[in-house]
Amino acid sequence: MHNKWYSFFKATLGPPLWLWNRPTIEGAENVPESGPVILVSNHQAVMDSFYLPLMLARQIQFPAKKEYFTAPGIKGRVQKFFFSSVGQIPVDRSSSSAGGDLQRAAEEVLSRGDVFGIYPEGTRSPDGRIYKGRTGMARIAMSTGAPVVLVAMLGTRDANPIGTSVPRPAKVGIKMSEPIDPHAWAQQHGYDPHSREVARPFTDYCMRALAELSGNPYVDLYASDVKRELESTGRYPEGAEPGGRLEERGEAK
């Protein structure tokens, strides 16, 4: 899949990003030239979803929150046109069926032999560290058997800090792992690939591997929970402070 609008936006938005942020990529050859693949990325900035497609030849489809497609006014219409045109998938994260809706949408993308991208942290990291992943990614991988390539986004937090819309002149890098066969991983570790039990350990494995690939510490808490604590108290949850127990040892509270 490679629609005309995706190519148009890549051609028009790409050159300024190339000039401004000088992005580099390692391991792009690990993404197969054809066939289904799941790109599992850490999430540092809104523009992660711009830099990664810029550096890969194949079109990537990401899930996007429904609000991007339903905002009112001229800005909302422009936003809806952009996200729809580049093939992004609206997901109502507040819905009780959000997990199932996401899985069905991902399975449809992968059944066509296309590329599905996902941020298992579910939200941008509040501080650049790698946080605990949601298991939807693992369920998709196990149900489809599609290879998983881990993607470490580097420098995007500096180029596009939370609250900014215009990129800053910071260098951006991307590192990609070798493909992981989810079914082979499950069997190697004594799990039935189609069982419910495999989702959490496979997710944890991928997130810890992402932390190693990116060079950032891993925190065994959900980023959304940490953000809520920071917003309500101005402090990190106990043990999750930068340099704290969870970061150093990866232990749950």
C-alpha atoms as a PDB file:
ATOM      1  CA  MET A   1       0.000   0.000   0.000  1.00  0.00           C
ATOM      2  CA  HIS A   2       1.278   3.471  -0.870  1.00  0.00           C
ATOM      3  CA  ASN A   3      -1.437   6.014  -1.580  1.00  0.00           C
ATOM      4  CA  LYS A   4      -0.861   9.251  -3.469  1.00  0.00           C
ATOM      5  CA  TRP A   5      -1.508  11.538  -0.508  1.00  0.00           C
ATOM      6  CA  TYR A   6       0.997   9.669   1.626  1.00  0.00           C
ATOM      7  CA  SER A   7       3.584  10.170  -1.116  1.00  0.00           C
ATOM      8  CA  PHE A   8       2.588  13.827  -1.515  1.00  0.00           C
ATOM      9  CA  PHE A   9       2.914  14.690   2.172  1.00  0.00           C
ATOM     10  CA  LYS A  10       6.171  12.760   2.409  1.00  0.00           C
ATOM     11  CA  ALA A  11       7.573  14.704  -0.558  1.00  0.00           C
ATOM     12  CA  THR A  12       6.476  18.103   0.769  1.00  0.00           C
ATOM     13  CA  LEU A  13       7.108  17.715   4.507  1.00  0.00           C
ATOM     14  CA  GLY A  14      10.198  15.547   4.165  1.00  0.00           C
ATOM     15  CA  PRO A  15      12.787  18.009   2.801  1.00  0.00           C
ATOM     16  CA  PRO A  16      12.361  20.574   5.625  1.00  0.00           C
ATOM     17  CA  LEU A  17      12.703  17.797   8.213  1.00  0.00           C
ATOM     18  CA  TRP A  18      15.785  16.443   6.446  1.00  0.00           C
ATOM     19  CA  LEU A  19      17.343  19.902   6.490  1.00  0.00           C
ATOM     20  CA  TRP A  20      16.283  20.839  10.013  1.00  0.00           C
ATOM     21  CA  ASN A  21      16.878  17.596  11.926  1.00  0.00           C
ATOM     22  CA  ARG A  22      19.349  15.605   9.775  1.00  0.00           C
ATOM     23  CA  PRO A  23      17.682  12.246  10.603  1.00  0.00           C
ATOM     24  CA  THR A  24      19.663   9.010  10.371  1.00  0.00           C
ATOM     25  CA  ILE A  25      18.532   5.393  10.506  1.00  0.00           C
ATOM     26  CA  GLU A  26      20.250   2.121  11.396  1.00  0.00           C
ATOM     27  CA  GLY A  27      18.724  -1.224  10.509  1.00  0.00           C
ATOM     28  CA  ALA A  28      16.224  -0.138   7.845  1.00  0.00           C
ATOM     29  CA  GLU A  29      17.191  -3.273   5.933  1.00  0.00           C
ATOM     30  CA  ASN A  30      15.522  -5.293   8.733  1.00  0.00           C
ATOM     31  CA  VAL A  31      12.103  -4.202   7.467  1.00  0.00           C
ATOM     32  CA  PRO A  32      11.168  -6.640   4.692  1.00  0.00           C
ATOM     33  CA  GLU A  33      10.547  -5.092   1.278  1.00  0.00           C
ATOM     34  CA  SER A  34       7.127  -6.757   1.114  1.00  0.00           C
ATOM     35  CA  GLY A  35       4.771  -8.671   3.347  1.00  0.00           C
ATOM     36  CA  PRO A  36       3.289  -7.914   6.751  1.00  0.00           C
ATOM     37  CA  VAL A  37       5.430  -6.462   9.532  1.00  0.00           C
ATOM     38  CA  ILE A  38       4.712  -4.809  12.874  1.00  0.00           C
ATOM     39  CA  LEU A  39       6.883  -1.843  13.857  1.00  0.00           C
ATOM     40  CA  VAL A  40       6.966  -1.536  17.644  1.00  0.00           C
ATOM     41  CA  SER A  41       8.310   1.852  18.696  1.00  0.00           C
ATOM     42  CA  ASN A  42       8.966   3.847  21.821  1.00  0.00           C
ATOM     43  CA  HIS A  43       7.079   7.140  21.869  1.00  0.00           C
ATOM     44  CA  GLN A  44       9.023  10.325  22.565  1.00  0.00           C
ATOM     45  CA  ALA A  45       7.182  12.987  20.555  1.00  0.00           C
ATOM     46  CA  VAL A  46       4.179  13.609  18.302  1.00  0.00           C
ATOM     47  CA  MET A  47       6.552  13.838  15.369  1.00  0.00           C
ATOM     48  CA  ASP A  48       7.788  10.275  15.841  1.00  0.00           C
ATOM     49  CA  SER A  49       5.005   9.523  13.349  1.00  0.00           C
ATOM     50  CA  PHE A  50       6.625  11.896  10.838  1.00  0.00           C
ATOM     51  CA  TYR A  51      10.300  11.000  11.177  1.00  0.00           C
ATOM     52  CA  LEU A  52       9.822   7.222  10.970  1.00  0.00           C
ATOM     53  CA  PRO A  53       7.741   7.262   7.749  1.00  0.00           C
ATOM     54  CA  LEU A  54      10.217   9.749   6.287  1.00  0.00           C
ATOM     55  CA  MET A  55      13.060   7.274   6.698  1.00  0.00           C
ATOM     56  CA  LEU A  56      11.311   4.160   5.367  1.00  0.00           C
ATOM     57  CA  ALA A  57      10.285   3.417   1.800  1.00  0.00           C
ATOM     58  CA  ARG A  58       7.146   1.473   2.783  1.00  0.00           C
ATOM     59  CA  GLN A  59       3.975   3.154   3.972  1.00  0.00           C
ATOM     60  CA  ILE A  60       3.212   2.709   7.676  1.00  0.00           C
ATOM     61  CA  GLN A  61      -0.277   2.728   9.150  1.00  0.00           C
ATOM     62  CA  PHE A  62      -0.560   3.809  12.776  1.00  0.00           C
ATOM     63  CA  PRO A  63      -3.599   3.826  15.036  1.00  0.00           C
ATOM     64  CA  ALA A  64      -4.545   7.408  15.901  1.00  0.00           C
ATOM     65  CA  LYS A  65      -6.901   8.672  18.582  1.00  0.00           C
ATOM     66  CA  LYS A  66     -10.419   9.318  17.334  1.00  0.00           C
ATOM     67  CA  GLU A  67     -10.240  12.979  18.344  1.00  0.00           C
ATOM     68  CA  TYR A  68      -7.896  13.640  15.415  1.00  0.00           C
ATOM     69  CA  PHE A  69     -10.799  12.768  13.095  1.00  0.00           C
ATOM     70  CA  THR A  70     -13.665  14.459  14.936  1.00  0.00           C
ATOM     71  CA  ALA A  71     -12.353  17.885  16.040  1.00  0.00           C
ATOM     72  CA  PRO A  72     -14.659  20.774  15.041  1.00  0.00           C
ATOM     73  CA  GLY A  73     -13.910  23.788  12.861  1.00  0.00           C
ATOM     74  CA  ILE A  74     -11.506  24.377  10.011  1.00  0.00           C
ATOM     75  CA  LYS A  75      -8.550  23.023  11.967  1.00  0.00           C
ATOM     76  CA  GLY A  76     -10.519  19.850  12.683  1.00  0.00           C
ATOM     77  CA  ARG A  77     -11.407  19.366   9.018  1.00  0.00           C
ATOM     78  CA  VAL A  78      -7.804  19.871   7.938  1.00  0.00           C
ATOM     79  CA  GLN A  79      -6.635  17.465  10.625  1.00  0.00           C
ATOM     80  CA  LYS A  80      -9.191  14.831   9.602  1.00  0.00           C
ATOM     81  CA  PHE A  81      -8.207  15.184   5.940  1.00  0.00           C
ATOM     82  CA  PHE A  82      -4.521  14.774   6.756  1.00  0.00           C
ATOM     83  CA  PHE A  83      -4.869  11.716   8.984  1.00  0.00           C
ATOM     84  CA  SER A  84      -7.420  10.059   6.681  1.00  0.00           C
ATOM     85  CA  SER A  85      -5.347  10.779   3.578  1.00  0.00           C
ATOM     86  CA  VAL A  86      -2.232   9.135   4.956  1.00  0.00           C
ATOM     87  CA  GLY A  87      -4.167   6.040   5.979  1.00  0.00           C
ATOM     88  CA  GLN A  88      -4.128   6.384   9.758  1.00  0.00           C
ATOM     89  CA  ILE A  89      -6.628   4.306  11.742  1.00  0.00           C
ATOM     90  CA  PRO A  90      -9.064   6.085  14.128  1.00  0.00           C
ATOM     91  CA  VAL A  91      -9.365   4.397  17.527  1.00  0.00           C
ATOM     92  CA  ASP A  92     -11.700   5.443  20.336  1.00  0.00           C
ATOM     93  CA  ARG A  93      -9.440   4.843  23.313  1.00  0.00           C
ATOM     94  CA  SER A  94     -12.281   5.470  25.780  1.00  0.00           C
ATOM     95  CA  SER A  95     -14.458   2.726  24.310  1.00  0.00           C
ATOM     96  CA  SER A  96     -14.832  -0.601  26.119  1.00  0.00           C
ATOM     97  CA  SER A  97     -14.183  -2.280  22.766  1.00  0.00           C
ATOM     98  CA  ALA A  98     -11.035  -0.256  21.979  1.00  0.00           C
ATOM     99  CA  GLY A  99      -8.705  -3.242  22.322  1.00  0.00           C
ATOM    100  CA  GLY A 100     -10.744  -5.437  20.024  1.00  0.00           C
ATOM    101  CA  ASP A 101     -11.257  -2.632  17.521  1.00  0.00           C
ATOM    102  CA  LEU A 102      -7.515  -2.012  17.390  1.00  0.00           C
ATOM    103  CA  GLN A 103      -6.740  -5.690  16.923  1.00  0.00           C
ATOM    104  CA  ARG A 104      -9.251  -6.079  14.079  1.00  0.00           C
ATOM    105  CA  ALA A 105      -7.905  -2.974  12.334  1.00  0.00           C
ATOM    106  CA  ALA A 106      -4.317  -4.184  12.684  1.00  0.00           C
ATOM    107  CA  GLU A 107      -5.198  -7.651  11.422  1.00  0.00           C
ATOM    108  CA  GLU A 108      -6.798  -6.096   8.352  1.00  0.00           C
ATOM    109  CA  VAL A 109      -3.666  -4.050   7.604  1.00  0.00           C
ATOM    110  CA  LEU A 110      -1.388  -7.060   8.077  1.00  0.00           C
ATOM    111  CA  SER A 111      -3.644  -9.404   6.064  1.00  0.00           C
ATOM    112  CA  ARG A 112      -3.023  -7.115   3.069  1.00  0.00           C
ATOM    113  CA  GLY A 113       0.710  -7.564   3.552  1.00  0.00           C
ATOM    114  CA  ASP A 114       1.170  -3.969   4.767  1.00  0.00           C
ATOM    115  CA  VAL A 115       3.111  -2.329   7.598  1.00  0.00           C
ATOM    116  CA  PHE A 116       1.440  -1.650  10.937  1.00  0.00           C
ATOM    117  CA  GLY A 117       3.100   0.706  13.423  1.00  0.00           C
ATOM    118  CA  ILE A 118       2.261   0.888  17.115  1.00  0.00           C
ATOM    119  CA  TYR A 119       3.452   2.616  20.295  1.00  0.00           C
ATOM    120  CA  PRO A 120       2.890   0.079  23.107  1.00  0.00           C
ATOM    121  CA  GLU A 121       3.472   2.721  25.805  1.00  0.00           C
ATOM    122  CA  GLY A 122       0.151   4.190  24.662  1.00  0.00           C
ATOM    123  CA  THR A 123       1.270   7.774  25.230  1.00  0.00           C
ATOM    124  CA  ARG A 124       4.431   9.844  24.978  1.00  0.00           C
ATOM    125  CA  SER A 125       7.040   9.182  27.616  1.00  0.00           C
ATOM    126  CA  PRO A 126       6.953  11.943  30.252  1.00  0.00           C
ATOM    127  CA  ASP A 127      10.737  12.021  30.569  1.00  0.00           C
ATOM    128  CA  GLY A 128      12.366  10.058  27.753  1.00  0.00           C
ATOM    129  CA  ARG A 129      12.620   6.747  29.611  1.00  0.00           C
ATOM    130  CA  ILE A 130      10.956   3.580  28.273  1.00  0.00           C
ATOM    131  CA  TYR A 131       7.769   2.640  30.120  1.00  0.00           C
ATOM    132  CA  LYS A 132       5.733  -0.539  30.499  1.00  0.00           C
ATOM    133  CA  GLY A 133       3.902  -1.562  27.333  1.00  0.00           C
ATOM    134  CA  ARG A 134       0.249  -2.365  26.804  1.00  0.00           C
ATOM    135  CA  THR A 135      -0.334  -5.922  25.614  1.00  0.00           C
ATOM    136  CA  GLY A 136      -2.353  -5.089  22.485  1.00  0.00           C
ATOM    137  CA  MET A 137       0.822  -5.233  20.410  1.00  0.00           C
ATOM    138  CA  ALA A 138       1.561  -8.777  21.605  1.00  0.00           C
ATOM    139  CA  ARG A 139      -1.978  -9.963  20.915  1.00  0.00           C
ATOM    140  CA  ILE A 140      -1.751  -8.623  17.373  1.00  0.00           C
ATOM    141  CA  ALA A 141       1.645 -10.241  16.836  1.00  0.00           C
ATOM    142  CA  MET A 142       0.536 -13.609  18.164  1.00  0.00           C
ATOM    143  CA  SER A 143      -2.774 -13.653  16.282  1.00  0.00           C
ATOM    144  CA  THR A 144      -1.139 -12.817  12.938  1.00  0.00           C
ATOM    145  CA  GLY A 145       2.358 -14.268  13.320  1.00  0.00           C
ATOM    146  CA  ALA A 146       3.708 -11.150  11.589  1.00  0.00           C
ATOM    147  CA  PRO A 147       7.364 -10.375  12.323  1.00  0.00           C
ATOM    148  CA  VAL A 148       8.034  -7.646  14.875  1.00  0.00           C
ATOM    149  CA  VAL A 149      10.748  -5.037  14.329  1.00  0.00           C
ATOM    150  CA  LEU A 150      11.596  -2.847  17.317  1.00  0.00           C
ATOM    151  CA  VAL A 151      12.114   0.857  16.617  1.00  0.00           C
ATOM    152  CA  ALA A 152      14.076   3.156  18.930  1.00  0.00           C
ATOM    153  CA  MET A 153      13.350   6.824  18.303  1.00  0.00           C
ATOM    154  CA  LEU A 154      16.287   8.988  19.397  1.00  0.00           C
ATOM    155  CA  GLY A 155      16.374  12.757  19.778  1.00  0.00           C
ATOM    156  CA  THR A 156      12.755  13.351  18.801  1.00  0.00           C
ATOM    157  CA  ARG A 157      11.935  14.553  22.306  1.00  0.00           C
ATOM    158  CA  ASP A 158      14.553  17.311  21.887  1.00  0.00           C
ATOM    159  CA  ALA A 159      13.368  18.139  18.373  1.00  0.00           C
ATOM    160  CA  ASN A 160       9.681  18.201  19.329  1.00  0.00           C
ATOM    161  CA  PRO A 161       9.243  18.725  23.088  1.00  0.00           C
ATOM    162  CA  ILE A 162       5.787  18.222  24.570  1.00  0.00           C
ATOM    163  CA  GLY A 163       3.736  21.352  23.916  1.00  0.00           C
ATOM    164  CA  THR A 164       5.603  22.448  20.778  1.00  0.00           C
ATOM    165  CA  SER A 165       4.375  22.233  17.190  1.00  0.00           C
ATOM    166  CA  VAL A 166       7.411  23.573  15.300  1.00  0.00           C
ATOM    167  CA  PRO A 167      10.469  21.268  15.317  1.00  0.00           C
ATOM    168  CA  ARG A 168      13.682  22.496  16.908  1.00  0.00           C
ATOM    169  CA  PRO A 169      17.064  21.991  15.196  1.00  0.00           C
ATOM    170  CA  ALA A 170      18.009  18.843  17.110  1.00  0.00           C
ATOM    171  CA  LYS A 171      19.458  15.765  15.442  1.00  0.00           C
ATOM    172  CA  VAL A 172      17.109  12.782  15.175  1.00  0.00           C
ATOM    173  CA  GLY A 173      18.118   9.137  14.951  1.00  0.00           C
ATOM    174  CA  ILE A 174      16.316   5.825  14.494  1.00  0.00           C
ATOM    175  CA  LYS A 175      17.567   2.327  15.356  1.00  0.00           C
ATOM    176  CA  MET A 176      15.742  -0.807  14.229  1.00  0.00           C
ATOM    177  CA  SER A 177      16.168  -4.334  15.552  1.00  0.00           C
ATOM    178  CA  GLU A 178      16.315  -7.544  13.581  1.00  0.00           C
ATOM    179  CA  PRO A 179      12.853  -9.084  13.038  1.00  0.00           C
ATOM    180  CA  ILE A 180      11.408 -11.129  15.893  1.00  0.00           C
ATOM    181  CA  ASP A 181       9.229 -14.128  15.028  1.00  0.00           C
ATOM    182  CA  PRO A 182       6.529 -13.920  17.729  1.00  0.00           C
ATOM    183  CA  HIS A 183       5.453 -17.553  17.455  1.00  0.00           C
ATOM    184  CA  ALA A 184       9.036 -18.813  17.599  1.00  0.00           C
ATOM    185  CA  TRP A 185       9.677 -16.572  20.636  1.00  0.00           C
ATOM    186  CA  ALA A 186       6.604 -17.946  22.404  1.00  0.00           C
ATOM    187  CA  GLN A 187       7.508 -21.569  21.747  1.00  0.00           C
ATOM    188  CA  GLN A 188      11.119 -21.000  22.776  1.00  0.00           C
ATOM    189  CA  HIS A 189       9.913 -19.625  26.120  1.00  0.00           C
ATOM    190  CA  GLY A 190       7.356 -22.368  26.726  1.00  0.00           C
ATOM    191  CA  TYR A 191       4.161 -20.532  25.756  1.00  0.00           C
ATOM    192  CA  ASP A 192       1.340 -21.412  23.411  1.00  0.00           C
ATOM    193  CA  PRO A 193       1.367 -18.517  20.880  1.00  0.00           C
ATOM    194  CA  HIS A 194      -2.437 -18.445  20.944  1.00  0.00           C
ATOM    195  CA  SER A 195      -2.810 -18.398  24.729  1.00  0.00           C
ATOM    196  CA  ARG A 196      -3.677 -15.347  26.805  1.00  0.00           C
ATOM    197  CA  GLU A 197      -0.655 -15.957  29.017  1.00  0.00           C
ATOM    198  CA  VAL A 198       1.914 -15.091  26.338  1.00  0.00           C
ATOM    199  CA  ALA A 199       0.867 -11.449  25.855  1.00  0.00           C
ATOM    200  CA  ARG A 200       2.412  -9.940  28.990  1.00  0.00           C
ATOM    201  CA  PRO A 201       5.828 -11.666  28.869  1.00  0.00           C
ATOM    202  CA  PHE A 202       6.244 -10.936  25.160  1.00  0.00           C
ATOM    203  CA  THR A 203       5.310  -7.288  25.698  1.00  0.00           C
ATOM    204  CA  ASP A 204       7.762  -6.988  28.592  1.00  0.00           C
ATOM    205  CA  TYR A 205      10.496  -8.612  26.515  1.00  0.00           C
ATOM    206  CA  CYS A 206       9.947  -6.138  23.671  1.00  0.00           C
ATOM    207  CA  MET A 207       9.904  -3.095  25.945  1.00  0.00           C
ATOM    208  CA  ARG A 208      13.090  -4.096  27.759  1.00  0.00           C
ATOM    209  CA  ALA A 209      14.738  -4.798  24.406  1.00  0.00           C
ATOM    210  CA  LEU A 210      13.581  -1.359  23.232  1.00  0.00           C
ATOM    211  CA  ALA A 211      15.165   0.211  26.298  1.00  0.00           C
ATOM    212  CA  GLU A 212      18.446  -1.515  25.496  1.00  0.00           C
ATOM    213  CA  LEU A 213      18.231  -0.543  21.823  1.00  0.00           C
ATOM    214  CA  SER A 214      17.551   3.100  22.676  1.00  0.00           C
ATOM    215  CA  GLY A 215      20.020   3.359  25.546  1.00  0.00           C
ATOM    216  CA  ASN A 216      17.268   4.703  27.826  1.00  0.00           C
ATOM    217  CA  PRO A 217      16.336   3.220  31.221  1.00  0.00           C
ATOM    218  CA  TYR A 218      13.264   1.022  31.543  1.00  0.00           C
ATOM    219  CA  VAL A 219      10.526   1.787  34.099  1.00  0.00           C
ATOM    220  CA  ASP A 220       8.049  -0.966  34.995  1.00  0.00           C
ATOM    221  CA  LEU A 221       5.053   1.365  35.302  1.00  0.00           C
ATOM    222  CA  TYR A 222       2.599   2.644  32.713  1.00  0.00           C
ATOM    223  CA  ALA A 223       3.530   6.083  31.384  1.00  0.00           C
ATOM    224  CA  SER A 224      -0.113   7.187  31.660  1.00  0.00           C
ATOM    225  CA  ASP A 225      -0.124   6.440  35.411  1.00  0.00           C
ATOM    226  CA  VAL A 226       3.105   8.359  35.913  1.00  0.00           C
ATOM    227  CA  LYS A 227       1.708  11.318  33.966  1.00  0.00           C
ATOM    228  CA  ARG A 228      -1.429  11.398  36.111  1.00  0.00           C
ATOM    229  CA  GLU A 229       0.662  11.388  39.279  1.00  0.00           C
ATOM    230  CA  LEU A 230       2.864  14.182  37.963  1.00  0.00           C
ATOM    231  CA  GLU A 231      -0.163  16.255  36.950  1.00  0.00           C
ATOM    232  CA  SER A 232      -1.950  15.807  40.280  1.00  0.00           C
ATOM    233  CA  THR A 233       0.966  16.052  42.721  1.00  0.00           C
ATOM    234  CA  GLY A 234       3.930  17.364  40.748  1.00  0.00           C
ATOM    235  CA  ARG A 235       5.908  14.298  41.893  1.00  0.00           C
ATOM    236  CA  TYR A 236       6.817  10.922  40.432  1.00  0.00           C
ATOM    237  CA  PRO A 237       5.183   7.845  41.988  1.00  0.00           C
ATOM    238  CA  GLU A 238       7.333   6.271  44.685  1.00  0.00           C
ATOM    239  CA  GLY A 239      10.191   4.313  43.145  1.00  0.00           C
ATOM    240  CA  ALA A 240       9.670   5.704  39.644  1.00  0.00           C
ATOM    241  CA  GLU A 241      11.763   8.827  40.104  1.00  0.00           C
ATOM    242  CA  PRO A 242      14.625   9.162  37.602  1.00  0.00           C
ATOM    243  CA  GLY A 243      17.418   7.114  39.152  1.00  0.00           C
ATOM    244  CA  GLY A 244      14.957   5.269  41.417  1.00  0.00           C
ATOM    245  CA  ARG A 245      14.434   1.591  42.162  1.00  0.00           C
ATOM    246  CA  LEU A 246      12.085   0.820  39.280  1.00  0.00           C
ATOM    247  CA  GLU A 247      14.434   2.379  36.751  1.00  0.00           C
ATOM    248  CA  GLU A 248      17.523   0.634  38.029  1.00  0.00           C
ATOM    249  CA  ARG A 249      16.140  -2.833  38.641  1.00  0.00           C
ATOM    250  CA  GLY A 250      12.955  -2.982  36.567  1.00  0.00           C
ATOM    251  CA  GLU A 251      10.906  -4.171  39.538  1.00  0.00           C
ATOM    252  CA  ALA A 252       7.189  -3.607  39.880  1.00  0.00           C
ATOM    253  CA  LYS A 253       5.896  -2.006  43.031  1.00  0.00           C
END
